[in-house]
PDB file of all heavy atoms in Angstrom:
ATOM      1  N   GLN A   1      -1.541  11.676  -6.044  1.00  0.00           N
ATOM      2  CA  GLN A   1      -2.870  11.102  -6.208  1.00  0.00           C
ATOM      3  C   GLN A   1      -3.045  10.515  -7.613  1.00  0.00           C
ATOM      4  O   GLN A   1      -3.587   9.411  -7.790  1.00  0.00           O
ATOM      5  CB  GLN A   1      -3.922  12.177  -5.937  1.00  0.00           C
ATOM      6  CG  GLN A   1      -5.354  11.665  -5.944  1.00  0.00           C
ATOM      7  CD  GLN A   1      -6.359  12.773  -5.673  1.00  0.00           C
ATOM      8  OE1 GLN A   1      -5.978  13.917  -5.444  1.00  0.00           O
ATOM      9  NE2 GLN A   1      -7.626  12.438  -5.713  1.00  0.00           N
ATOM     10  N   LEU A   2      -2.550  11.245  -8.612  1.00  0.00           N
ATOM     11  CA  LEU A   2      -2.614  10.748  -9.993  1.00  0.00           C
ATOM     12  C   LEU A   2      -1.772   9.488 -10.158  1.00  0.00           C
ATOM     13  O   LEU A   2      -2.170   8.543 -10.849  1.00  0.00           O
ATOM     14  CB  LEU A   2      -2.131  11.831 -10.957  1.00  0.00           C
ATOM     15  CG  LEU A   2      -2.999  13.094 -11.056  1.00  0.00           C
ATOM     16  CD1 LEU A   2      -2.320  14.125 -11.939  1.00  0.00           C
ATOM     17  CD2 LEU A   2      -4.376  12.741 -11.600  1.00  0.00           C
ATOM     18  N   LEU A   3      -0.588   9.477  -9.532  1.00  0.00           N
ATOM     19  CA  LEU A   3       0.281   8.296  -9.625  1.00  0.00           C
ATOM     20  C   LEU A   3      -0.389   7.062  -9.040  1.00  0.00           C
ATOM     21  O   LEU A   3      -0.275   5.957  -9.578  1.00  0.00           O
ATOM     22  CB  LEU A   3       1.598   8.558  -8.906  1.00  0.00           C
ATOM     23  CG  LEU A   3       2.714   9.247  -9.698  1.00  0.00           C
ATOM     24  CD1 LEU A   3       3.907   9.509  -8.812  1.00  0.00           C
ATOM     25  CD2 LEU A   3       3.123   8.413 -10.905  1.00  0.00           C
ATOM     26  N   ALA A   4      -1.073   7.265  -7.918  1.00  0.00           N
ATOM     27  CA  ALA A   4      -1.750   6.126  -7.285  1.00  0.00           C
ATOM     28  C   ALA A   4      -2.800   5.543  -8.218  1.00  0.00           C
ATOM     29  O   ALA A   4      -2.996   4.319  -8.282  1.00  0.00           O
ATOM     30  CB  ALA A   4      -2.395   6.585  -5.970  1.00  0.00           C
ATOM     31  N   GLY A   5      -3.489   6.416  -8.961  1.00  0.00           N
ATOM     32  CA  GLY A   5      -4.492   5.927  -9.904  1.00  0.00           C
ATOM     33  C   GLY A   5      -3.882   5.280 -11.127  1.00  0.00           C
ATOM     34  O   GLY A   5      -4.470   4.374 -11.723  1.00  0.00           O
ATOM     35  N   VAL A   6      -2.708   5.727 -11.532  1.00  0.00           N
ATOM     36  CA  VAL A   6      -2.068   5.198 -12.735  1.00  0.00           C
ATOM     37  C   VAL A   6      -1.432   3.839 -12.494  1.00  0.00           C
ATOM     38  O   VAL A   6      -1.451   2.965 -13.375  1.00  0.00           O
ATOM     39  CB  VAL A   6      -1.000   6.195 -13.245  1.00  0.00           C
ATOM     40  CG1 VAL A   6      -0.148   5.567 -14.346  1.00  0.00           C
ATOM     41  CG2 VAL A   6      -1.663   7.453 -13.764  1.00  0.00           C
ATOM     42  N   THR A   7      -0.869   3.630 -11.309  1.00  0.00           N
ATOM     43  CA  THR A   7      -0.093   2.407 -11.070  1.00  0.00           C
ATOM     44  C   THR A   7      -0.969   1.161 -10.956  1.00  0.00           C
ATOM     45  O   THR A   7      -0.501   0.055 -11.247  1.00  0.00           O
ATOM     46  CB  THR A   7       0.737   2.549  -9.775  1.00  0.00           C
ATOM     47  OG1 THR A   7      -0.119   2.992  -8.712  1.00  0.00           O
ATOM     48  CG2 THR A   7       1.859   3.550  -9.967  1.00  0.00           C
ATOM     49  N   ASP A   8      -2.226   1.302 -10.546  1.00  0.00           N
ATOM     50  CA  ASP A   8      -3.097   0.127 -10.431  1.00  0.00           C
ATOM     51  C   ASP A   8      -3.297  -0.601 -11.760  1.00  0.00           C
ATOM     52  O   ASP A   8      -3.123  -1.829 -11.841  1.00  0.00           O
ATOM     53  CB  ASP A   8      -4.451   0.529  -9.839  1.00  0.00           C
ATOM     54  CG  ASP A   8      -4.352   0.821  -8.343  1.00  0.00           C
ATOM     55  OD1 ASP A   8      -3.423   0.276  -7.706  1.00  0.00           O
ATOM     56  OD2 ASP A   8      -5.173   1.586  -7.828  1.00  0.00           O
ATOM     57  N   PRO A   9      -3.642   0.112 -12.870  1.00  0.00           N
ATOM     58  CA  PRO A   9      -3.813  -0.601 -14.149  1.00  0.00           C
ATOM     59  C   PRO A   9      -2.520  -1.208 -14.693  1.00  0.00           C
ATOM     60  O   PRO A   9      -2.564  -2.108 -15.532  1.00  0.00           O
ATOM     61  CB  PRO A   9      -4.322   0.490 -15.098  1.00  0.00           C
ATOM     62  CG  PRO A   9      -4.861   1.567 -14.215  1.00  0.00           C
ATOM     63  CD  PRO A   9      -4.008   1.524 -12.994  1.00  0.00           C
ATOM     64  N   LEU A  10      -1.371  -0.697 -14.240  1.00  0.00           N
ATOM     65  CA  LEU A  10      -0.105  -1.196 -14.765  1.00  0.00           C
ATOM     66  C   LEU A  10       0.158  -2.646 -14.375  1.00  0.00           C
ATOM     67  O   LEU A  10       0.982  -3.325 -14.981  1.00  0.00           O
ATOM     68  CB  LEU A  10       1.055  -0.311 -14.289  1.00  0.00           C
ATOM     69  CG  LEU A  10       1.127   1.092 -14.894  1.00  0.00           C
ATOM     70  CD1 LEU A  10       2.277   1.865 -14.281  1.00  0.00           C
ATOM     71  CD2 LEU A  10       1.280   1.026 -16.409  1.00  0.00           C
ATOM     72  N   ARG A  11      -0.553  -3.119 -13.330  1.00  0.00           N
ATOM     73  CA  ARG A  11      -0.336  -4.491 -12.889  1.00  0.00           C
ATOM     74  C   ARG A  11      -0.711  -5.510 -13.976  1.00  0.00           C
ATOM     75  O   ARG A  11      -0.139  -6.590 -14.050  1.00  0.00           O
ATOM     76  CB  ARG A  11      -1.159  -4.765 -11.627  1.00  0.00           C
ATOM     77  CG  ARG A  11      -0.387  -4.543 -10.356  1.00  0.00           C
ATOM     78  CD  ARG A  11      -1.176  -4.918  -9.136  1.00  0.00           C
ATOM     79  NE  ARG A  11      -2.186  -3.907  -8.817  1.00  0.00           N
ATOM     80  CZ  ARG A  11      -2.965  -3.953  -7.734  1.00  0.00           C
ATOM     81  NH1 ARG A  11      -2.858  -4.945  -6.897  1.00  0.00           N
ATOM     82  NH2 ARG A  11      -3.838  -3.011  -7.514  1.00  0.00           N
ATOM     83  N   SER A  12      -1.662  -5.118 -14.814  1.00  0.00           N
ATOM     84  CA  SER A  12      -2.110  -6.036 -15.849  1.00  0.00           C
ATOM     85  C   SER A  12      -1.308  -5.901 -17.149  1.00  0.00           C
ATOM     86  O   SER A  12      -1.571  -6.605 -18.109  1.00  0.00           O
ATOM     87  CB  SER A  12      -3.592  -5.785 -16.160  1.00  0.00           C
ATOM     88  OG  SER A  12      -3.791  -4.439 -16.580  1.00  0.00           O
ATOM     89  N   SER A  13      -0.325  -4.983 -17.162  1.00  0.00           N
ATOM     90  CA  SER A  13       0.472  -4.764 -18.370  1.00  0.00           C
ATOM     91  C   SER A  13       1.588  -5.794 -18.451  1.00  0.00           C
ATOM     92  O   SER A  13       2.431  -5.892 -17.556  1.00  0.00           O
ATOM     93  CB  SER A  13       1.051  -3.346 -18.354  1.00  0.00           C
ATOM     94  OG  SER A  13       1.978  -3.200 -19.396  1.00  0.00           O
ATOM     95  N   GLU A  14       1.604  -6.537 -19.535  1.00  0.00           N
ATOM     96  CA  GLU A  14       2.643  -7.552 -19.730  1.00  0.00           C
ATOM     97  C   GLU A  14       4.014  -6.904 -19.967  1.00  0.00           C
ATOM     98  O   GLU A  14       5.040  -7.421 -19.538  1.00  0.00           O
ATOM     99  CB  GLU A  14       2.277  -8.445 -20.918  1.00  0.00           C
ATOM    100  CG  GLU A  14       1.027  -9.282 -20.692  1.00  0.00           C
ATOM    101  CD  GLU A  14       0.733 -10.183 -21.878  1.00  0.00           C
ATOM    102  OE1 GLU A  14       1.556 -10.176 -22.829  1.00  0.00           O
ATOM    103  OE2 GLU A  14      -0.286 -10.890 -21.848  1.00  0.00           O
ATOM    104  N   VAL A  15       4.013  -5.747 -20.666  1.00  0.00           N
ATOM    105  CA  VAL A  15       5.281  -5.066 -20.960  1.00  0.00           C
ATOM    106  C   VAL A  15       5.947  -4.602 -19.679  1.00  0.00           C
ATOM    107  O   VAL A  15       7.144  -4.851 -19.443  1.00  0.00           O
ATOM    108  CB  VAL A  15       5.044  -3.867 -21.905  1.00  0.00           C
ATOM    109  CG1 VAL A  15       6.339  -3.090 -22.114  1.00  0.00           C
ATOM    110  CG2 VAL A  15       4.477  -4.347 -23.233  1.00  0.00           C
ATOM    111  N   ILE A  16       5.158  -3.938 -18.837  1.00  0.00           N
ATOM    112  CA  ILE A  16       5.703  -3.432 -17.574  1.00  0.00           C
ATOM    113  C   ILE A  16       6.165  -4.587 -16.697  1.00  0.00           C
ATOM    114  O   ILE A  16       7.232  -4.536 -16.067  1.00  0.00           O
ATOM    115  CB  ILE A  16       4.649  -2.579 -16.831  1.00  0.00           C
ATOM    116  CG1 ILE A  16       4.267  -1.359 -17.685  1.00  0.00           C
ATOM    117  CG2 ILE A  16       5.179  -2.135 -15.482  1.00  0.00           C
ATOM    118  CD1 ILE A  16       5.394  -0.408 -17.949  1.00  0.00           C
ATOM    119  N   ALA A  17       5.351  -5.657 -16.660  1.00  0.00           N
ATOM    120  CA  ALA A  17       5.710  -6.815 -15.845  1.00  0.00           C
ATOM    121  C   ALA A  17       7.027  -7.431 -16.309  1.00  0.00           C
ATOM    122  O   ALA A  17       7.871  -7.828 -15.498  1.00  0.00           O
ATOM    123  CB  ALA A  17       4.593  -7.858 -15.904  1.00  0.00           C
ATOM    124  N   THR A  18       7.227  -7.507 -17.624  1.00  0.00           N
ATOM    125  CA  THR A  18       8.462  -8.077 -18.172  1.00  0.00           C
ATOM    126  C   THR A  18       9.678  -7.228 -17.814  1.00  0.00           C
ATOM    127  O   THR A  18      10.731  -7.748 -17.415  1.00  0.00           O
ATOM    128  CB  THR A  18       8.351  -8.202 -19.700  1.00  0.00           C
ATOM    129  OG1 THR A  18       7.223  -9.021 -20.029  1.00  0.00           O
ATOM    130  CG2 THR A  18       9.619  -8.810 -20.278  1.00  0.00           C
ATOM    131  N   VAL A  19       9.522  -5.883 -17.948  1.00  0.00           N
ATOM    132  CA  VAL A  19      10.629  -4.978 -17.629  1.00  0.00           C
ATOM    133  C   VAL A  19      11.005  -5.078 -16.168  1.00  0.00           C
ATOM    134  O   VAL A  19      12.193  -5.182 -15.804  1.00  0.00           O
ATOM    135  CB  VAL A  19      10.256  -3.525 -18.006  1.00  0.00           C
ATOM    136  CG1 VAL A  19      11.313  -2.555 -17.485  1.00  0.00           C
ATOM    137  CG2 VAL A  19      10.101  -3.384 -19.506  1.00  0.00           C
ATOM    138  N   LEU A  20      10.005  -5.049 -15.303  1.00  0.00           N
ATOM    139  CA  LEU A  20      10.281  -5.082 -13.866  1.00  0.00           C
ATOM    140  C   LEU A  20      10.836  -6.432 -13.440  1.00  0.00           C
ATOM    141  O   LEU A  20      11.685  -6.506 -12.537  1.00  0.00           O
ATOM    142  CB  LEU A  20       9.008  -4.748 -13.086  1.00  0.00           C
ATOM    143  CG  LEU A  20       8.481  -3.318 -13.269  1.00  0.00           C
ATOM    144  CD1 LEU A  20       7.175  -3.113 -12.499  1.00  0.00           C
ATOM    145  CD2 LEU A  20       9.517  -2.307 -12.797  1.00  0.00           C
ATOM    146  N   GLN A  21      10.368  -7.517 -14.089  1.00  0.00           N
ATOM    147  CA  GLN A  21      10.906  -8.837 -13.772  1.00  0.00           C
ATOM    148  C   GLN A  21      12.377  -8.917 -14.169  1.00  0.00           C
ATOM    149  O   GLN A  21      13.206  -9.506 -13.461  1.00  0.00           O
ATOM    150  CB  GLN A  21      10.101  -9.915 -14.515  1.00  0.00           C
ATOM    151  CG  GLN A  21      10.591 -11.338 -14.253  1.00  0.00           C
ATOM    152  CD  GLN A  21      10.504 -11.725 -12.792  1.00  0.00           C
ATOM    153  OE1 GLN A  21       9.524 -11.409 -12.108  1.00  0.00           O
ATOM    154  NE2 GLN A  21      11.540 -12.395 -12.289  1.00  0.00           N
ATOM    155  N   GLY A  22      12.709  -8.282 -15.297  1.00  0.00           N
ATOM    156  CA  GLY A  22      14.111  -8.261 -15.729  1.00  0.00           C
ATOM    157  C   GLY A  22      14.992  -7.527 -14.736  1.00  0.00           C
ATOM    158  O   GLY A  22      16.130  -7.939 -14.476  1.00  0.00           O
ATOM    159  N   MET A  23      14.478  -6.443 -14.159  1.00  0.00           N
ATOM    160  CA  MET A  23      15.257  -5.695 -13.163  1.00  0.00           C
ATOM    161  C   MET A  23      15.407  -6.509 -11.883  1.00  0.00           C
ATOM    162  O   MET A  23      16.437  -6.423 -11.204  1.00  0.00           O
ATOM    163  CB  MET A  23      14.597  -4.344 -12.883  1.00  0.00           C
ATOM    164  CG  MET A  23      14.813  -3.342 -13.992  1.00  0.00           C
ATOM    165  SD  MET A  23      14.484  -1.640 -13.491  1.00  0.00           S
ATOM    166  CE  MET A  23      12.722  -1.704 -13.258  1.00  0.00           C
ATOM    167  N   SER A  24      14.411  -7.299 -11.527  1.00  0.00           N
ATOM    168  CA  SER A  24      14.507  -8.137 -10.326  1.00  0.00           C
ATOM    169  C   SER A  24      15.631  -9.160 -10.466  1.00  0.00           C
ATOM    170  O   SER A  24      16.305  -9.497  -9.488  1.00  0.00           O
ATOM    171  CB  SER A  24      13.175  -8.861 -10.081  1.00  0.00           C
ATOM    172  OG  SER A  24      12.151  -7.935  -9.798  1.00  0.00           O
ATOM    173  N   ASP A  25      15.828  -9.634 -11.699  1.00  0.00           N
ATOM    174  CA  ASP A  25      16.878 -10.627 -11.938  1.00  0.00           C
ATOM    175  C   ASP A  25      18.246  -9.993 -12.168  1.00  0.00           C
ATOM    176  O   ASP A  25      19.250 -10.710 -12.243  1.00  0.00           O
ATOM    177  CB  ASP A  25      16.508 -11.479 -13.165  1.00  0.00           C
ATOM    178  CG  ASP A  25      15.225 -12.274 -12.946  1.00  0.00           C
ATOM    179  OD1 ASP A  25      14.913 -12.538 -11.764  1.00  0.00           O
ATOM    180  OD2 ASP A  25      14.532 -12.578 -13.932  1.00  0.00           O
ATOM    181  N   ALA A  26      18.281  -8.663 -12.302  1.00  0.00           N
ATOM    182  CA  ALA A  26      19.559  -7.963 -12.569  1.00  0.00           C
ATOM    183  C   ALA A  26      19.653  -6.746 -11.659  1.00  0.00           C
ATOM    184  O   ALA A  26      19.338  -5.617 -12.082  1.00  0.00           O
ATOM    185  CB  ALA A  26      19.653  -7.565 -14.035  1.00  0.00           C
ATOM    186  N   PRO A  27      20.035  -6.943 -10.391  1.00  0.00           N
ATOM    187  CA  PRO A  27      20.040  -5.834  -9.436  1.00  0.00           C
ATOM    188  C   PRO A  27      20.973  -4.683  -9.831  1.00  0.00           C
ATOM    189  O   PRO A  27      20.686  -3.527  -9.533  1.00  0.00           O
ATOM    190  CB  PRO A  27      20.496  -6.488  -8.132  1.00  0.00           C
ATOM    191  CG  PRO A  27      21.151  -7.767  -8.535  1.00  0.00           C
ATOM    192  CD  PRO A  27      20.447  -8.205  -9.777  1.00  0.00           C
ATOM    193  N   VAL A  28      22.081  -5.012 -10.502  1.00  0.00           N
ATOM    194  CA  VAL A  28      23.002  -3.945 -10.926  1.00  0.00           C
ATOM    195  C   VAL A  28      22.323  -3.043 -11.951  1.00  0.00           C
ATOM    196  O   VAL A  28      22.445  -1.814 -11.910  1.00  0.00           O
ATOM    197  CB  VAL A  28      24.298  -4.535 -11.501  1.00  0.00           C
ATOM    198  CG1 VAL A  28      25.195  -3.421 -12.039  1.00  0.00           C
ATOM    199  CG2 VAL A  28      25.036  -5.330 -10.432  1.00  0.00           C
ATOM    200  N   PHE A  29      21.581  -3.652 -12.869  1.00  0.00           N
ATOM    201  CA  PHE A  29      20.844  -2.859 -13.858  1.00  0.00           C
ATOM    202  C   PHE A  29      19.758  -2.026 -13.167  1.00  0.00           C
ATOM    203  O   PHE A  29      19.531  -0.863 -13.534  1.00  0.00           O
ATOM    204  CB  PHE A  29      20.205  -3.789 -14.898  1.00  0.00           C
ATOM    205  CG  PHE A  29      19.297  -3.074 -15.859  1.00  0.00           C
ATOM    206  CD1 PHE A  29      19.816  -2.310 -16.896  1.00  0.00           C
ATOM    207  CD2 PHE A  29      17.913  -3.157 -15.711  1.00  0.00           C
ATOM    208  CE1 PHE A  29      18.981  -1.642 -17.784  1.00  0.00           C
ATOM    209  CE2 PHE A  29      17.071  -2.489 -16.589  1.00  0.00           C
ATOM    210  CZ  PHE A  29      17.604  -1.741 -17.634  1.00  0.00           C
ATOM    211  N   ALA A  30      19.082  -2.618 -12.180  1.00  0.00           N
ATOM    212  CA  ALA A  30      18.049  -1.895 -11.439  1.00  0.00           C
ATOM    213  C   ALA A  30      18.642  -0.690 -10.719  1.00  0.00           C
ATOM    214  O   ALA A  30      18.048   0.396 -10.691  1.00  0.00           O
ATOM    215  CB  ALA A  30      17.374  -2.833 -10.447  1.00  0.00           C
ATOM    216  N   LEU A  31      19.831  -0.893 -10.138  1.00  0.00           N
ATOM    217  CA  LEU A  31      20.512   0.204  -9.459  1.00  0.00           C
ATOM    218  C   LEU A  31      20.823   1.335 -10.441  1.00  0.00           C
ATOM    219  O   LEU A  31      20.569   2.515 -10.162  1.00  0.00           O
ATOM    220  CB  LEU A  31      21.803  -0.316  -8.825  1.00  0.00           C
ATOM    221  CG  LEU A  31      22.644   0.712  -8.070  1.00  0.00           C
ATOM    222  CD1 LEU A  31      22.039   1.014  -6.708  1.00  0.00           C
ATOM    223  CD2 LEU A  31      24.080   0.211  -7.901  1.00  0.00           C
ATOM    224  N   ALA A  32      21.363   0.957 -11.604  1.00  0.00           N
ATOM    225  CA  ALA A  32      21.711   1.966 -12.615  1.00  0.00           C
ATOM    226  C   ALA A  32      20.466   2.665 -13.147  1.00  0.00           C
ATOM    227  O   ALA A  32      20.484   3.874 -13.420  1.00  0.00           O
ATOM    228  CB  ALA A  32      22.482   1.306 -13.759  1.00  0.00           C
ATOM    229  N   PHE A  33      19.372   1.917 -13.302  1.00  0.00           N
ATOM    230  CA  PHE A  33      18.126   2.497 -13.810  1.00  0.00           C
ATOM    231  C   PHE A  33      17.587   3.565 -12.852  1.00  0.00           C
ATOM    232  O   PHE A  33      17.235   4.678 -13.269  1.00  0.00           O
ATOM    233  CB  PHE A  33      17.093   1.381 -14.008  1.00  0.00           C
ATOM    234  CG  PHE A  33      15.744   1.875 -14.446  1.00  0.00           C
ATOM    235  CD1 PHE A  33      15.541   2.282 -15.755  1.00  0.00           C
ATOM    236  CD2 PHE A  33      14.692   1.939 -13.547  1.00  0.00           C
ATOM    237  CE1 PHE A  33      14.290   2.742 -16.173  1.00  0.00           C
ATOM    238  CE2 PHE A  33      13.443   2.397 -13.938  1.00  0.00           C
ATOM    239  CZ  PHE A  33      13.237   2.802 -15.264  1.00  0.00           C
ATOM    240  N   ALA A  34      17.526   3.242 -11.565  1.00  0.00           N
ATOM    241  CA  ALA A  34      17.039   4.209 -10.568  1.00  0.00           C
ATOM    242  C   ALA A  34      17.983   5.398 -10.453  1.00  0.00           C
ATOM    243  O   ALA A  34      17.546   6.542 -10.280  1.00  0.00           O
ATOM    244  CB  ALA A  34      16.882   3.521  -9.215  1.00  0.00           C
ATOM    245  N   MET A  35      19.269   5.122 -10.555  1.00  0.00           N
ATOM    246  CA  MET A  35      20.252   6.207 -10.503  1.00  0.00           C
ATOM    247  C   MET A  35      20.044   7.170 -11.674  1.00  0.00           C
ATOM    248  O   MET A  35      20.075   8.397 -11.512  1.00  0.00           O
ATOM    249  CB  MET A  35      21.665   5.629 -10.541  1.00  0.00           C
ATOM    250  CG  MET A  35      22.772   6.667 -10.476  1.00  0.00           C
ATOM    251  SD  MET A  35      24.429   5.923 -10.509  1.00  0.00           S
ATOM    252  CE  MET A  35      24.469   5.332 -12.203  1.00  0.00           C
ATOM    253  N   GLY A  36      19.815   6.616 -12.865  1.00  0.00           N
ATOM    254  CA  GLY A  36      19.577   7.450 -14.031  1.00  0.00           C
ATOM    255  C   GLY A  36      18.309   8.279 -13.906  1.00  0.00           C
ATOM    256  O   GLY A  36      18.282   9.464 -14.279  1.00  0.00           O
ATOM    257  N   LEU A  37      17.240   7.681 -13.367  1.00  0.00           N
ATOM    258  CA  LEU A  37      15.996   8.423 -13.170  1.00  0.00           C
ATOM    259  C   LEU A  37      16.200   9.597 -12.211  1.00  0.00           C
ATOM    260  O   LEU A  37      15.734  10.720 -12.462  1.00  0.00           O
ATOM    261  CB  LEU A  37      14.907   7.498 -12.617  1.00  0.00           C
ATOM    262  CG  LEU A  37      14.160   6.603 -13.593  1.00  0.00           C
ATOM    263  CD1 LEU A  37      13.096   5.794 -12.853  1.00  0.00           C
ATOM    264  CD2 LEU A  37      13.509   7.433 -14.696  1.00  0.00           C
ATOM    265  N   ALA A  38      16.893   9.340 -11.106  1.00  0.00           N
ATOM    266  CA  ALA A  38      17.126  10.402 -10.116  1.00  0.00           C
ATOM    267  C   ALA A  38      18.000  11.504 -10.700  1.00  0.00           C
ATOM    268  O   ALA A  38      17.793  12.693 -10.415  1.00  0.00           O
ATOM    269  CB  ALA A  38      17.779   9.817  -8.867  1.00  0.00           C
ATOM    270  N   PHE A  39      18.966  11.131 -11.525  1.00  0.00           N
ATOM    271  CA  PHE A  39      19.824  12.135 -12.165  1.00  0.00           C
ATOM    272  C   PHE A  39      19.028  12.993 -13.138  1.00  0.00           C
ATOM    273  O   PHE A  39      19.124  14.229 -13.140  1.00  0.00           O
ATOM    274  CB  PHE A  39      20.973  11.436 -12.881  1.00  0.00           C
ATOM    275  CG  PHE A  39      21.716  12.328 -13.831  1.00  0.00           C
ATOM    276  CD1 PHE A  39      22.386  13.456 -13.378  1.00  0.00           C
ATOM    277  CD2 PHE A  39      21.736  12.048 -15.199  1.00  0.00           C
ATOM    278  CE1 PHE A  39      23.063  14.290 -14.262  1.00  0.00           C
ATOM    279  CE2 PHE A  39      22.409  12.873 -16.082  1.00  0.00           C
ATOM    280  CZ  PHE A  39      23.067  13.999 -15.616  1.00  0.00           C
ATOM    281  N   LEU A  40      18.205  12.352 -13.977  1.00  0.00           N
ATOM    282  CA  LEU A  40      17.411  13.091 -14.959  1.00  0.00           C
ATOM    283  C   LEU A  40      16.386  13.995 -14.280  1.00  0.00           C
ATOM    284  O   LEU A  40      16.105  15.098 -14.741  1.00  0.00           O
ATOM    285  CB  LEU A  40      16.712  12.119 -15.916  1.00  0.00           C
ATOM    286  CG  LEU A  40      17.627  11.334 -16.860  1.00  0.00           C
ATOM    287  CD1 LEU A  40      16.829  10.314 -17.654  1.00  0.00           C
ATOM    288  CD2 LEU A  40      18.369  12.276 -17.802  1.00  0.00           C
ATOM    289  N   ALA A  41      15.821  13.508 -13.165  1.00  0.00           N
ATOM    290  CA  ALA A  41      14.818  14.291 -12.448  1.00  0.00           C
ATOM    291  C   ALA A  41      15.444  15.320 -11.518  1.00  0.00           C
ATOM    292  O   ALA A  41      14.739  16.194 -11.008  1.00  0.00           O
ATOM    293  CB  ALA A  41      13.917  13.357 -11.636  1.00  0.00           C
ATOM    294  N   SER A  42      16.767  15.206 -11.290  1.00  0.00           N
ATOM    295  CA  SER A  42      17.484  16.064 -10.325  1.00  0.00           C
ATOM    296  C   SER A  42      16.832  15.990  -8.947  1.00  0.00           C
ATOM    297  O   SER A  42      16.811  16.968  -8.202  1.00  0.00           O
ATOM    298  CB  SER A  42      17.513  17.527 -10.808  1.00  0.00           C
ATOM    299  OG  SER A  42      18.304  17.641 -11.953  1.00  0.00           O
TER     300      SER A  42
END
């Protein structure tokens, strides 16, 4: 529930938009990024 409330304002963030756009253009990096998150979170 908290995540749902947090993600809405992030749409207007230029920093977040830039990072996510970079991952869209680099699928290998996106794969590694998600893999790292899952590893850190176990």
